[in-house]
């Protein structure tokens, strides 16, 4: 089955170049091309492609602002001519980074990498809502964590950082997998790279949540769900 995708790119010739690579590969079905973030988000309100090829610098909102506004977690391949966005790409947990101009071979490697990630199916999770702990592999051992001890989780590309009051643990996993395994009403995804324990929130100021001294950003696309989960008077 082909991977569905959209292209968000303000330069038409660059988008055409990418479309030809998609067609040539036979691996990717392009569902649309958008010249700006606003039009792309309007499309994403009713269609959820598997993959987004995303430029960074565009008129109006930039590519990272689109990521902040997403309400689901597609695969993301950044396509940009500038290497200075590499750190931001890492922070946003994008799946790959294509520096323009890129070859067909590099494009193919990137798509196959994404498809390999999406077809790596984890074992079916146990019913999570009734279990008050989980085991994670950290430092070559299985660590038992009580869910109530978890302050928040942060995505680190192919790893997830668990922050507790006394210690931080890093395990090889994805935030999406942790979201599925945790279950229950206490945990909510507030940003592409963060899941928090809402019972541990100290306060919220603007678009930032504070959890025991840790500042956690709230993505635009996650505000509504967060508001629905909080007991706001």
Protein backbone atom coordinates (compact mmCIF):
# COMPACT_ATOMS: atom_id res chain seq x y z
CA UNK A 1 0.00 0.00 0.00
CA UNK A 2 1.29 3.45 -0.92
CA UNK A 3 2.02 6.06 1.72
CA UNK A 4 -0.35 9.02 1.34
CA UNK A 5 1.24 12.45 1.57
CA UNK A 6 0.89 16.16 0.97
CA UNK A 7 3.55 18.67 -0.05
CA UNK A 8 3.70 22.04 1.70
CA UNK A 9 6.07 24.15 -0.37
CA UNK A 10 5.76 27.75 -1.60
CA UNK A 11 8.12 27.34 -4.58
CA UNK A 12 6.24 25.65 -7.41
CA UNK A 13 9.31 24.28 -9.17
CA UNK A 14 10.51 22.64 -5.95
CA UNK A 15 7.07 21.08 -5.41
CA UNK A 16 6.99 19.79 -9.01
CA UNK A 17 10.45 18.30 -8.51
CA UNK A 18 9.25 16.50 -5.39
CA UNK A 19 6.05 15.28 -7.06
CA UNK A 20 8.09 13.68 -9.86
CA UNK A 21 10.21 11.85 -7.31
CA UNK A 22 7.05 10.60 -5.56
CA UNK A 23 5.59 9.34 -8.84
CA UNK A 24 8.87 7.74 -9.90
CA UNK A 25 9.21 5.85 -6.61
CA UNK A 26 5.77 4.23 -6.78
CA UNK A 27 5.79 4.38 -2.97
CA UNK A 28 4.01 7.65 -2.32
CA UNK A 29 0.55 8.92 -3.33
CA UNK A 30 0.46 12.73 -3.37
CA UNK A 31 -2.95 13.95 -2.19
CA UNK A 32 -2.24 17.64 -2.56
CA UNK A 33 0.24 20.50 -2.82
CA UNK A 34 -0.13 23.67 -0.76
CA UNK A 35 1.75 26.94 -1.12
CA UNK A 36 1.23 28.03 2.49
CA UNK A 37 0.50 26.70 5.95
CA UNK A 38 -3.04 28.10 6.17
CA UNK A 39 -4.24 26.18 3.10
CA UNK A 40 -2.49 23.02 4.25
CA UNK A 41 -4.14 23.16 7.69
CA UNK A 42 -7.55 23.67 6.09
CA UNK A 43 -7.01 20.49 4.08
CA UNK A 44 -5.73 18.62 7.15
CA UNK A 45 -8.96 19.42 8.99
CA UNK A 46 -10.73 16.77 6.90
CA UNK A 47 -7.94 14.61 5.50
CA UNK A 48 -5.14 12.90 7.42
CA UNK A 49 -2.29 11.82 5.11
CA UNK A 50 0.41 9.50 6.45
CA UNK A 51 3.26 11.85 5.56
CA UNK A 52 3.90 15.57 5.11
CA UNK A 53 6.79 16.91 3.03
CA UNK A 54 7.24 20.26 4.72
CA UNK A 55 9.23 23.35 3.78
CA UNK A 56 10.17 25.70 6.64
CA UNK A 57 10.28 29.21 5.21
CA UNK A 58 7.00 30.24 3.55
CA UNK A 59 4.86 33.38 3.33
CA UNK A 60 2.88 33.82 6.55
CA UNK A 61 3.26 30.99 9.06
CA UNK A 62 6.33 28.76 8.78
CA UNK A 63 6.62 24.99 8.76
CA UNK A 64 7.23 24.69 12.49
CA UNK A 65 4.03 26.64 13.17
CA UNK A 66 2.19 24.05 11.10
CA UNK A 67 3.66 21.33 13.33
CA UNK A 68 2.43 23.20 16.40
CA UNK A 69 -1.08 23.25 14.95
CA UNK A 70 -1.38 19.57 14.02
CA UNK A 71 -4.07 17.56 15.80
CA UNK A 72 -2.60 14.17 14.85
CA UNK A 73 0.88 12.74 14.37
CA UNK A 74 1.81 12.14 10.73
CA UNK A 75 5.33 11.36 9.59
CA UNK A 76 7.23 14.55 8.77
CA UNK A 77 10.06 15.03 6.26
CA UNK A 78 11.43 18.57 6.28
CA UNK A 79 12.60 19.88 2.91
CA UNK A 80 14.74 22.99 3.21
CA UNK A 81 17.90 24.50 1.78
CA UNK A 82 19.13 25.70 5.18
CA UNK A 83 21.00 23.54 7.67
CA UNK A 84 20.36 25.90 10.60
CA UNK A 85 16.94 24.35 11.08
CA UNK A 86 18.42 20.96 11.97
CA UNK A 87 18.25 21.58 15.73
CA UNK A 88 14.63 22.74 15.53
CA UNK A 89 13.85 19.67 13.43
CA UNK A 90 15.29 17.49 16.18
CA UNK A 91 13.25 19.32 18.82
CA UNK A 92 10.09 18.73 16.81
CA UNK A 93 10.94 15.05 16.38
CA UNK A 94 10.65 15.12 12.59
CA UNK A 95 11.32 11.81 10.88
CA UNK A 96 13.88 13.02 8.34
CA UNK A 97 15.52 16.15 6.95
CA UNK A 98 16.08 16.60 3.22
CA UNK A 99 18.47 19.45 2.41
CA UNK A 100 17.73 21.01 -0.98
CA UNK A 101 18.82 20.23 -3.56
CA UNK A 102 18.56 16.49 -2.87
CA UNK A 103 19.01 13.54 -5.20
CA UNK A 104 16.44 10.89 -6.03
CA UNK A 105 18.56 8.39 -4.11
CA UNK A 106 18.44 10.55 -0.95
CA UNK A 107 14.69 11.06 -1.42
CA UNK A 108 14.16 7.30 -1.72
CA UNK A 109 16.22 6.63 1.41
CA UNK A 110 14.09 9.11 3.34
CA UNK A 111 10.77 7.62 2.18
CA UNK A 112 11.93 4.07 2.87
CA UNK A 113 13.08 5.14 6.33
CA UNK A 114 9.65 6.59 7.09
CA UNK A 115 7.84 3.54 5.73
CA UNK A 116 10.11 1.29 7.78
CA UNK A 117 9.15 3.23 10.92
CA UNK A 118 5.46 3.04 10.13
CA UNK A 119 5.51 -0.70 9.43
CA UNK A 120 7.44 -1.60 12.56
CA UNK A 121 4.46 -2.76 14.56
CA UNK A 122 4.87 -3.11 18.29
CA UNK A 123 3.28 -5.93 20.24
CA UNK A 124 -0.38 -5.27 21.11
CA UNK A 125 -0.46 -3.28 24.37
CA UNK A 126 -2.02 -4.65 27.49
CA UNK A 127 -5.18 -2.91 28.72
CA UNK A 128 -3.61 0.15 30.31
CA UNK A 129 -6.33 1.96 32.19
CA UNK A 130 -6.47 -0.53 35.07
CA UNK A 131 -2.70 -0.78 35.62
CA UNK A 132 -1.04 1.84 37.82
CA UNK A 133 2.54 1.16 36.69
CA UNK A 134 4.59 0.35 33.62
CA UNK A 135 8.01 -1.11 32.88
CA UNK A 136 10.49 0.73 30.70
CA UNK A 137 13.94 -0.36 29.56
CA UNK A 138 16.57 2.12 30.71
CA UNK A 139 20.31 1.64 31.27
CA UNK A 140 20.09 -2.03 30.20
CA UNK A 141 17.49 -2.92 32.79
CA UNK A 142 13.72 -2.93 33.16
CA UNK A 143 12.58 -0.17 35.49
CA UNK A 144 9.16 -0.23 37.16
CA UNK A 145 7.56 3.22 37.13
CA UNK A 146 4.38 4.13 38.94
CA UNK A 147 2.23 6.19 36.61
CA UNK A 148 1.49 8.67 39.36
CA UNK A 149 5.23 9.39 39.73
CA UNK A 150 5.56 10.51 36.10
CA UNK A 151 5.58 14.30 35.72
CA UNK A 152 5.86 14.36 31.94
CA UNK A 153 7.40 12.63 28.94
CA UNK A 154 9.46 14.27 26.23
CA UNK A 155 10.14 12.91 22.76
CA UNK A 156 13.80 12.72 21.75
CA UNK A 157 13.45 11.44 18.18
CA UNK A 158 13.73 7.63 18.64
CA UNK A 159 13.74 7.90 22.43
CA UNK A 160 11.38 9.08 25.16
CA UNK A 161 12.51 10.84 28.33
CA UNK A 162 10.44 10.15 31.46
CA UNK A 163 10.76 12.82 34.13
CA UNK A 164 9.86 11.96 37.73
CA UNK A 165 10.44 14.00 40.91
CA UNK A 166 13.60 12.09 41.76
CA UNK A 167 15.07 10.88 38.49
CA UNK A 168 14.98 11.03 34.69
CA UNK A 169 14.82 7.88 32.57
CA UNK A 170 15.42 7.56 28.83
CA UNK A 171 14.05 4.61 26.88
CA UNK A 172 14.05 3.59 23.23
CA UNK A 173 10.48 4.21 22.12
CA UNK A 174 8.18 6.81 20.57
CA UNK A 175 5.81 9.25 22.17
CA UNK A 176 2.94 7.80 20.13
CA UNK A 177 3.61 4.35 21.57
CA UNK A 178 3.70 5.73 25.11
CA UNK A 179 0.44 7.59 24.49
CA UNK A 180 -1.23 4.33 23.51
CA UNK A 181 0.22 2.33 26.40
CA UNK A 182 -0.49 4.75 29.24
CA UNK A 183 -4.26 5.04 28.94
CA UNK A 184 -6.43 6.64 31.61
CA UNK A 185 -7.47 10.27 32.09
CA UNK A 186 -4.30 11.59 33.75
CA UNK A 187 -2.06 11.87 30.70
CA UNK A 188 -2.61 14.26 27.81
CA UNK A 189 -0.50 15.20 24.82
CA UNK A 190 0.00 18.96 24.88
CA UNK A 191 2.61 19.28 22.13
CA UNK A 192 4.08 17.16 19.39
CA UNK A 193 6.99 16.40 21.73
CA UNK A 194 5.32 16.29 25.17
CA UNK A 195 2.81 14.27 27.19
CA UNK A 196 2.09 15.54 30.69
CA UNK A 197 0.48 14.19 33.83
CA UNK A 198 -2.29 16.75 34.38
CA UNK A 199 -2.34 15.94 38.10
CA UNK A 200 1.16 17.41 38.36
CA UNK A 201 0.48 20.82 36.78
CA UNK A 202 1.43 23.74 39.01
CA UNK A 203 0.13 26.51 36.76
CA UNK A 204 -0.41 27.57 33.16
CA UNK A 205 0.79 30.90 31.81
CA UNK A 206 -0.19 31.68 28.23
CA UNK A 207 1.03 28.81 26.07
CA UNK A 208 3.32 27.33 28.73
CA UNK A 209 2.56 24.72 31.39
CA UNK A 210 4.71 24.56 34.52
CA UNK A 211 5.24 21.20 36.19
CA UNK A 212 7.50 21.30 39.25
CA UNK A 213 9.77 23.94 37.72
CA UNK A 214 9.71 22.53 34.21
CA UNK A 215 8.32 24.77 31.44
CA UNK A 216 6.41 22.79 28.80
CA UNK A 217 5.05 24.39 25.61
CA UNK A 218 1.45 23.88 24.53
CA UNK A 219 0.99 23.34 20.81
CA UNK A 220 -1.82 25.24 19.13
CA UNK A 221 -3.44 22.06 17.89
CA UNK A 222 -3.58 20.56 21.39
CA UNK A 223 -5.15 23.47 23.29
CA UNK A 224 -8.73 22.32 22.84
CA UNK A 225 -8.12 18.82 24.16
CA UNK A 226 -6.13 20.18 27.10
CA UNK A 227 -8.92 22.60 28.01
CA UNK A 228 -11.45 19.80 27.86
CA UNK A 229 -9.39 17.67 30.26
CA UNK A 230 -8.80 20.39 32.87
CA UNK A 231 -11.26 21.26 35.59
CA UNK A 232 -11.37 25.00 34.90
CA UNK A 233 -13.77 27.11 37.00
